[in-house]
Full PDB file with SEQRES, HELIX, SHEET, SSBOND, CRYST1, ORIGX, SCALE, CONECT and MASTER records, all heavy atoms in Angstrom:
SEQRES   1 A   32  CYS LEU ASN ASN CYS ALA ALA ALA GLU LEU LYS LEU GLY          
SEQRES   2 A   32  ARG ALA GLU ASP ALA LEU ALA ALA CYS GLU ALA ALA LEU          
SEQRES   3 A   32  ARG ILE SER PRO ASP ASN                                      
HELIX    1 AA1 LEU A    2  LYS A   11  1                                  10    
HELIX    2 AA2 ALA A   15  ILE A   28  1                                  14    
CRYST1    1.000    1.000    1.000  90.00  90.00  90.00 P 1           1          
ORIGX1      1.000000  0.000000  0.000000        0.00000                         
ORIGX2      0.000000  1.000000  0.000000        0.00000                         
ORIGX3      0.000000  0.000000  1.000000        0.00000                         
SCALE1      1.000000  0.000000  0.000000        0.00000                         
SCALE2      0.000000  1.000000  0.000000        0.00000                         
SCALE3      0.000000  0.000000  1.000000        0.00000                         
ATOM      1  N   CYS A   1       0.722  -1.301  -0.012  1.00  0.00           N  
ATOM      2  CA  CYS A   1       0.008   0.014   0.033  1.00  0.00           C  
ATOM      3  C   CYS A   1       0.834   1.227   0.087  1.00  0.00           C  
ATOM      4  O   CYS A   1       0.589   2.224  -0.693  1.00  0.00           O  
ATOM      5  CB  CYS A   1      -0.967  -0.034   1.227  1.00  0.00           C  
ATOM      6  SG  CYS A   1      -2.495  -0.573   0.922  1.00  0.00           S  
ATOM      7  N   LEU A   2       1.950   1.226   0.797  1.00  0.00           N  
ATOM      8  CA  LEU A   2       2.760   2.382   0.876  1.00  0.00           C  
ATOM      9  C   LEU A   2       3.498   2.763  -0.391  1.00  0.00           C  
ATOM     10  O   LEU A   2       3.665   3.810  -0.933  1.00  0.00           O  
ATOM     11  CB  LEU A   2       3.760   2.197   1.956  1.00  0.00           C  
ATOM     12  CG  LEU A   2       3.144   2.472   3.369  1.00  0.00           C  
ATOM     13  CD1 LEU A   2       4.049   1.913   4.515  1.00  0.00           C  
ATOM     14  CD2 LEU A   2       2.712   3.894   3.694  1.00  0.00           C  
ATOM     15  N   ASN A   3       3.945   1.604  -1.031  1.00  0.00           N  
ATOM     16  CA  ASN A   3       4.515   1.753  -2.430  1.00  0.00           C  
ATOM     17  C   ASN A   3       3.527   2.261  -3.454  1.00  0.00           C  
ATOM     18  O   ASN A   3       3.835   3.139  -4.215  1.00  0.00           O  
ATOM     19  CB  ASN A   3       5.130   0.381  -2.872  1.00  0.00           C  
ATOM     20  CG  ASN A   3       6.455   0.047  -2.367  1.00  0.00           C  
ATOM     21  OD1 ASN A   3       7.293   1.023  -2.303  1.00  0.00           O  
ATOM     22  ND2 ASN A   3       6.838  -1.208  -2.064  1.00  0.00           N  
ATOM     23  N   ASN A   4       2.273   1.869  -3.391  1.00  0.00           N  
ATOM     24  CA  ASN A   4       1.216   2.304  -4.236  1.00  0.00           C  
ATOM     25  C   ASN A   4       0.942   3.807  -3.928  1.00  0.00           C  
ATOM     26  O   ASN A   4       0.691   4.528  -4.820  1.00  0.00           O  
ATOM     27  CB  ASN A   4       0.063   1.559  -4.102  1.00  0.00           C  
ATOM     28  CG  ASN A   4       0.158   0.074  -4.710  1.00  0.00           C  
ATOM     29  OD1 ASN A   4       1.306  -0.239  -5.348  1.00  0.00           O  
ATOM     30  ND2 ASN A   4      -0.790  -0.818  -4.486  1.00  0.00           N  
ATOM     31  N   CYS A   5       0.989   4.104  -2.639  1.00  0.00           N  
ATOM     32  CA  CYS A   5       0.796   5.532  -2.242  1.00  0.00           C  
ATOM     33  C   CYS A   5       1.823   6.415  -3.009  1.00  0.00           C  
ATOM     34  O   CYS A   5       1.592   7.525  -3.487  1.00  0.00           O  
ATOM     35  CB  CYS A   5       0.741   5.726  -0.805  1.00  0.00           C  
ATOM     36  SG  CYS A   5      -0.683   5.159   0.114  1.00  0.00           S  
ATOM     37  N   ALA A   6       3.045   5.979  -2.822  1.00  0.00           N  
ATOM     38  CA  ALA A   6       4.178   6.647  -3.434  1.00  0.00           C  
ATOM     39  C   ALA A   6       3.985   6.868  -4.921  1.00  0.00           C  
ATOM     40  O   ALA A   6       4.185   7.964  -5.503  1.00  0.00           O  
ATOM     41  CB  ALA A   6       5.530   6.036  -3.167  1.00  0.00           C  
ATOM     42  N   ALA A   7       3.542   5.888  -5.635  1.00  0.00           N  
ATOM     43  CA  ALA A   7       3.266   5.913  -7.125  1.00  0.00           C  
ATOM     44  C   ALA A   7       2.216   7.000  -7.453  1.00  0.00           C  
ATOM     45  O   ALA A   7       2.266   7.789  -8.325  1.00  0.00           O  
ATOM     46  CB  ALA A   7       2.962   4.528  -7.641  1.00  0.00           C  
ATOM     47  N   ALA A   8       1.096   6.874  -6.518  1.00  0.00           N  
ATOM     48  CA  ALA A   8      -0.005   7.844  -6.781  1.00  0.00           C  
ATOM     49  C   ALA A   8       0.433   9.292  -6.489  1.00  0.00           C  
ATOM     50  O   ALA A   8       0.076  10.269  -7.308  1.00  0.00           O  
ATOM     51  CB  ALA A   8      -1.211   7.477  -5.884  1.00  0.00           C  
ATOM     52  N   GLU A   9       1.217   9.442  -5.407  1.00  0.00           N  
ATOM     53  CA  GLU A   9       1.658  10.781  -5.018  1.00  0.00           C  
ATOM     54  C   GLU A   9       2.526  11.335  -6.241  1.00  0.00           C  
ATOM     55  O   GLU A   9       2.418  12.588  -6.597  1.00  0.00           O  
ATOM     56  CB  GLU A   9       2.537  10.780  -3.794  1.00  0.00           C  
ATOM     57  CG  GLU A   9       1.711  10.318  -2.477  1.00  0.00           C  
ATOM     58  CD  GLU A   9       0.822  11.496  -1.900  1.00  0.00           C  
ATOM     59  OE1 GLU A   9       0.517  12.530  -2.650  1.00  0.00           O  
ATOM     60  OE2 GLU A   9       0.386  11.347  -0.819  1.00  0.00           O  
ATOM     61  N   LEU A  10       3.366  10.508  -6.751  1.00  0.00           N  
ATOM     62  CA  LEU A  10       4.239  11.002  -7.948  1.00  0.00           C  
ATOM     63  C   LEU A  10       3.348  11.446  -9.185  1.00  0.00           C  
ATOM     64  O   LEU A  10       3.635  12.478  -9.711  1.00  0.00           O  
ATOM     65  CB  LEU A  10       5.149   9.903  -8.391  1.00  0.00           C  
ATOM     66  CG  LEU A  10       6.444   9.867  -7.524  1.00  0.00           C  
ATOM     67  CD1 LEU A  10       7.381   8.620  -8.066  1.00  0.00           C  
ATOM     68  CD2 LEU A  10       7.387  11.112  -7.667  1.00  0.00           C  
ATOM     69  N   LYS A  11       2.360  10.607  -9.358  1.00  0.00           N  
ATOM     70  CA  LYS A  11       1.401  11.074 -10.422  1.00  0.00           C  
ATOM     71  C   LYS A  11       0.724  12.393 -10.191  1.00  0.00           C  
ATOM     72  O   LYS A  11       0.385  13.009 -11.185  1.00  0.00           O  
ATOM     73  CB  LYS A  11       0.479   9.925 -10.732  1.00  0.00           C  
ATOM     74  CG  LYS A  11       0.993   8.577 -11.244  1.00  0.00           C  
ATOM     75  CD  LYS A  11       1.431   8.830 -12.751  1.00  0.00           C  
ATOM     76  CE  LYS A  11       1.884   7.496 -13.366  1.00  0.00           C  
ATOM     77  NZ  LYS A  11       2.317   7.720 -14.754  1.00  0.00           N  
ATOM     78  N   LEU A  12       0.475  12.646  -8.964  1.00  0.00           N  
ATOM     79  CA  LEU A  12      -0.115  13.876  -8.503  1.00  0.00           C  
ATOM     80  C   LEU A  12       0.860  14.931  -8.364  1.00  0.00           C  
ATOM     81  O   LEU A  12       0.465  16.176  -8.048  1.00  0.00           O  
ATOM     82  CB  LEU A  12      -0.970  13.705  -7.199  1.00  0.00           C  
ATOM     83  CG  LEU A  12      -2.094  12.719  -7.317  1.00  0.00           C  
ATOM     84  CD1 LEU A  12      -2.649  12.369  -5.953  1.00  0.00           C  
ATOM     85  CD2 LEU A  12      -3.230  13.412  -8.233  1.00  0.00           C  
ATOM     86  N   GLY A  13       2.141  14.817  -8.702  1.00  0.00           N  
ATOM     87  CA  GLY A  13       3.202  15.820  -8.644  1.00  0.00           C  
ATOM     88  C   GLY A  13       3.576  16.256  -7.254  1.00  0.00           C  
ATOM     89  O   GLY A  13       4.166  17.262  -6.970  1.00  0.00           O  
ATOM     90  N   ARG A  14       3.514  15.250  -6.365  1.00  0.00           N  
ATOM     91  CA  ARG A  14       3.794  15.427  -4.912  1.00  0.00           C  
ATOM     92  C   ARG A  14       5.033  14.658  -4.523  1.00  0.00           C  
ATOM     93  O   ARG A  14       4.869  13.558  -3.854  1.00  0.00           O  
ATOM     94  CB  ARG A  14       2.702  15.299  -3.968  1.00  0.00           C  
ATOM     95  CG  ARG A  14       1.457  16.177  -4.342  1.00  0.00           C  
ATOM     96  CD  ARG A  14       0.483  16.247  -3.278  1.00  0.00           C  
ATOM     97  NE  ARG A  14      -0.252  15.060  -3.021  1.00  0.00           N  
ATOM     98  CZ  ARG A  14      -1.643  14.868  -3.251  1.00  0.00           C  
ATOM     99  NH1 ARG A  14      -2.319  16.021  -3.663  1.00  0.00           N  
ATOM    100  NH2 ARG A  14      -2.211  13.809  -2.980  1.00  0.00           N  
ATOM    101  N   ALA A  15       6.207  15.089  -4.866  1.00  0.00           N  
ATOM    102  CA  ALA A  15       7.437  14.286  -4.708  1.00  0.00           C  
ATOM    103  C   ALA A  15       7.794  14.075  -3.254  1.00  0.00           C  
ATOM    104  O   ALA A  15       8.276  12.966  -2.874  1.00  0.00           O  
ATOM    105  CB  ALA A  15       8.638  14.923  -5.504  1.00  0.00           C  
ATOM    106  N   GLU A  16       7.646  15.132  -2.456  1.00  0.00           N  
ATOM    107  CA  GLU A  16       7.940  15.013  -1.006  1.00  0.00           C  
ATOM    108  C   GLU A  16       7.101  13.951  -0.355  1.00  0.00           C  
ATOM    109  O   GLU A  16       7.538  13.160   0.466  1.00  0.00           O  
ATOM    110  CB  GLU A  16       7.771  16.336  -0.284  1.00  0.00           C  
ATOM    111  CG  GLU A  16       8.890  17.331  -0.685  1.00  0.00           C  
ATOM    112  CD  GLU A  16      10.287  16.834   0.050  1.00  0.00           C  
ATOM    113  OE1 GLU A  16      10.191  15.990   0.990  1.00  0.00           O  
ATOM    114  OE2 GLU A  16      11.330  17.328  -0.463  1.00  0.00           O  
ATOM    115  N   ASP A  17       5.789  13.933  -0.651  1.00  0.00           N  
ATOM    116  CA  ASP A  17       4.815  12.931  -0.092  1.00  0.00           C  
ATOM    117  C   ASP A  17       5.171  11.508  -0.560  1.00  0.00           C  
ATOM    118  O   ASP A  17       5.097  10.590   0.132  1.00  0.00           O  
ATOM    119  CB  ASP A  17       3.371  13.265  -0.397  1.00  0.00           C  
ATOM    120  CG  ASP A  17       2.936  14.525   0.277  1.00  0.00           C  
ATOM    121  OD1 ASP A  17       3.476  14.814   1.390  1.00  0.00           O  
ATOM    122  OD2 ASP A  17       2.121  15.253  -0.300  1.00  0.00           O  
ATOM    123  N   ALA A  18       5.631  11.566  -1.810  1.00  0.00           N  
ATOM    124  CA  ALA A  18       6.022  10.240  -2.380  1.00  0.00           C  
ATOM    125  C   ALA A  18       7.202   9.603  -1.594  1.00  0.00           C  
ATOM    126  O   ALA A  18       7.324   8.462  -1.324  1.00  0.00           O  
ATOM    127  CB  ALA A  18       6.338  10.278  -3.885  1.00  0.00           C  
ATOM    128  N   LEU A  19       8.150  10.494  -1.367  1.00  0.00           N  
ATOM    129  CA  LEU A  19       9.382  10.099  -0.573  1.00  0.00           C  
ATOM    130  C   LEU A  19       9.054   9.697   0.810  1.00  0.00           C  
ATOM    131  O   LEU A  19       9.522   8.603   1.254  1.00  0.00           O  
ATOM    132  CB  LEU A  19      10.407  11.318  -0.626  1.00  0.00           C  
ATOM    133  CG  LEU A  19      11.695  11.024   0.041  1.00  0.00           C  
ATOM    134  CD1 LEU A  19      12.469   9.868  -0.565  1.00  0.00           C  
ATOM    135  CD2 LEU A  19      12.572  12.370   0.163  1.00  0.00           C  
ATOM    136  N   ALA A  20       8.108  10.348   1.352  1.00  0.00           N  
ATOM    137  CA  ALA A  20       7.703   9.991   2.726  1.00  0.00           C  
ATOM    138  C   ALA A  20       7.108   8.615   2.735  1.00  0.00           C  
ATOM    139  O   ALA A  20       7.350   7.796   3.724  1.00  0.00           O  
ATOM    140  CB  ALA A  20       6.793  11.005   3.326  1.00  0.00           C  
ATOM    141  N   ALA A  21       6.326   8.259   1.683  1.00  0.00           N  
ATOM    142  CA  ALA A  21       5.600   7.054   1.586  1.00  0.00           C  
ATOM    143  C   ALA A  21       6.712   5.903   1.482  1.00  0.00           C  
ATOM    144  O   ALA A  21       6.633   4.790   1.999  1.00  0.00           O  
ATOM    145  CB  ALA A  21       4.650   6.911   0.524  1.00  0.00           C  
ATOM    146  N   CYS A  22       7.724   6.201   0.619  1.00  0.00           N  
ATOM    147  CA  CYS A  22       8.794   5.149   0.419  1.00  0.00           C  
ATOM    148  C   CYS A  22       9.550   5.043   1.736  1.00  0.00           C  
ATOM    149  O   CYS A  22       9.851   3.863   2.031  1.00  0.00           O  
ATOM    150  CB  CYS A  22       9.807   5.701  -0.609  1.00  0.00           C  
ATOM    151  SG  CYS A  22       9.222   5.784  -2.262  1.00  0.00           S  
ATOM    152  N   GLU A  23       9.896   6.089   2.457  1.00  0.00           N  
ATOM    153  CA  GLU A  23      10.563   5.841   3.636  1.00  0.00           C  
ATOM    154  C   GLU A  23       9.738   5.107   4.784  1.00  0.00           C  
ATOM    155  O   GLU A  23      10.256   4.342   5.556  1.00  0.00           O  
ATOM    156  CB  GLU A  23      10.932   7.183   4.185  1.00  0.00           C  
ATOM    157  CG  GLU A  23      11.981   7.847   3.303  1.00  0.00           C  
ATOM    158  CD  GLU A  23      12.415   9.310   3.670  1.00  0.00           C  
ATOM    159  OE1 GLU A  23      11.682   9.865   4.364  1.00  0.00           O  
ATOM    160  OE2 GLU A  23      13.489   9.771   3.174  1.00  0.00           O  
ATOM    161  N   ALA A  24       8.357   5.324   4.701  1.00  0.00           N  
ATOM    162  CA  ALA A  24       7.582   4.540   5.672  1.00  0.00           C  
ATOM    163  C   ALA A  24       7.573   3.049   5.262  1.00  0.00           C  
ATOM    164  O   ALA A  24       7.526   2.207   6.131  1.00  0.00           O  
ATOM    165  CB  ALA A  24       6.053   5.144   5.534  1.00  0.00           C  
ATOM    166  N   ALA A  25       7.592   2.777   3.897  1.00  0.00           N  
ATOM    167  CA  ALA A  25       7.686   1.329   3.549  1.00  0.00           C  
ATOM    168  C   ALA A  25       8.984   0.660   3.977  1.00  0.00           C  
ATOM    169  O   ALA A  25       8.981  -0.457   4.384  1.00  0.00           O  
ATOM    170  CB  ALA A  25       7.544   1.320   2.028  1.00  0.00           C  
ATOM    171  N   LEU A  26      10.085   1.514   3.860  1.00  0.00           N  
ATOM    172  CA  LEU A  26      11.351   0.901   4.239  1.00  0.00           C  
ATOM    173  C   LEU A  26      11.485   0.830   5.702  1.00  0.00           C  
ATOM    174  O   LEU A  26      12.301  -0.102   6.173  1.00  0.00           O  
ATOM    175  CB  LEU A  26      12.430   1.827   3.683  1.00  0.00           C  
ATOM    176  CG  LEU A  26      12.556   1.816   2.141  1.00  0.00           C  
ATOM    177  CD1 LEU A  26      13.546   2.899   1.622  1.00  0.00           C  
ATOM    178  CD2 LEU A  26      13.073   0.396   1.625  1.00  0.00           C  
ATOM    179  N   ARG A  27      10.799   1.519   6.493  1.00  0.00           N  
ATOM    180  CA  ARG A  27      10.832   1.330   7.925  1.00  0.00           C  
ATOM    181  C   ARG A  27      10.200  -0.036   8.323  1.00  0.00           C  
ATOM    182  O   ARG A  27      10.714  -0.731   9.300  1.00  0.00           O  
ATOM    183  CB  ARG A  27      10.084   2.429   8.665  1.00  0.00           C  
ATOM    184  CG  ARG A  27      10.885   3.692   8.720  1.00  0.00           C  
ATOM    185  CD  ARG A  27      10.247   4.658   9.840  1.00  0.00           C  
ATOM    186  NE  ARG A  27       8.917   5.212   9.433  1.00  0.00           N  
ATOM    187  CZ  ARG A  27       8.754   6.351   8.669  1.00  0.00           C  
ATOM    188  NH1 ARG A  27       9.889   7.009   8.214  1.00  0.00           N  
ATOM    189  NH2 ARG A  27       7.623   6.786   8.328  1.00  0.00           N  
ATOM    190  N   ILE A  28       9.305  -0.471   7.572  1.00  0.00           N  
ATOM    191  CA  ILE A  28       8.626  -1.753   7.794  1.00  0.00           C  
ATOM    192  C   ILE A  28       9.443  -2.884   7.083  1.00  0.00           C  
ATOM    193  O   ILE A  28       9.623  -3.971   7.741  1.00  0.00           O  
ATOM    194  CB  ILE A  28       7.187  -1.785   7.119  1.00  0.00           C  
ATOM    195  CG1 ILE A  28       6.415  -0.734   7.872  1.00  0.00           C  
ATOM    196  CG2 ILE A  28       6.537  -3.216   7.281  1.00  0.00           C  
ATOM    197  CD1 ILE A  28       4.963  -0.607   7.136  1.00  0.00           C  
ATOM    198  N   SER A  29      10.052  -2.685   5.962  1.00  0.00           N  
ATOM    199  CA  SER A  29      10.695  -3.633   5.132  1.00  0.00           C  
ATOM    200  C   SER A  29      12.048  -3.036   4.581  1.00  0.00           C  
ATOM    201  O   SER A  29      11.970  -2.551   3.486  1.00  0.00           O  
ATOM    202  CB  SER A  29       9.857  -4.244   4.031  1.00  0.00           C  
ATOM    203  OG  SER A  29      10.623  -5.221   3.293  1.00  0.00           O  
ATOM    204  N   PRO A  30      13.125  -2.842   5.372  1.00  0.00           N  
ATOM    205  CA  PRO A  30      14.270  -2.201   4.861  1.00  0.00           C  
ATOM    206  C   PRO A  30      14.902  -2.565   3.493  1.00  0.00           C  
ATOM    207  O   PRO A  30      15.573  -1.806   2.959  1.00  0.00           O  
ATOM    208  CB  PRO A  30      15.296  -2.441   6.073  1.00  0.00           C  
ATOM    209  CG  PRO A  30      14.479  -2.612   7.311  1.00  0.00           C  
ATOM    210  CD  PRO A  30      13.231  -3.421   6.661  1.00  0.00           C  
ATOM    211  N   ASP A  31      14.655  -3.871   3.161  1.00  0.00           N  
ATOM    212  CA  ASP A  31      15.160  -4.433   1.885  1.00  0.00           C  
ATOM    213  C   ASP A  31      14.163  -4.514   0.814  1.00  0.00           C  
ATOM    214  O   ASP A  31      14.270  -5.294  -0.153  1.00  0.00           O  
ATOM    215  CB  ASP A  31      15.827  -5.732   2.095  1.00  0.00           C  
ATOM    216  CG  ASP A  31      17.122  -5.612   2.974  1.00  0.00           C  
ATOM    217  OD1 ASP A  31      17.726  -4.535   2.953  1.00  0.00           O  
ATOM    218  OD2 ASP A  31      17.432  -6.517   3.585  1.00  0.00           O  
ATOM    219  N   ASN A  32      13.078  -3.719   0.809  1.00  0.00           N  
ATOM    220  CA  ASN A  32      12.069  -3.809  -0.185  1.00  0.00           C  
ATOM    221  C   ASN A  32      12.700  -3.082  -1.461  1.00  0.00           C  
ATOM    222  O   ASN A  32      12.915  -1.908  -1.427  1.00  0.00           O  
ATOM    223  CB  ASN A  32      10.778  -2.975   0.185  1.00  0.00           C  
ATOM    224  CG  ASN A  32       9.759  -3.180  -0.831  1.00  0.00           C  
ATOM    225  OD1 ASN A  32       9.468  -2.256  -1.602  1.00  0.00           O  
ATOM    226  ND2 ASN A  32       9.032  -4.288  -0.901  1.00  0.00           N  
TER     227      ASN A  32                                                      
MASTER        0    0    0    2    0    0    0    6  226    1    0    3          
END                                                                             
């Protein structure tokens, strides 16, 4: 879900929110 959120945020032009979603995903799974 967090990876999908990042993809949607990028499509909406919100790079900072996309980055935050990626970092949240990596806190759960550091090797994703």
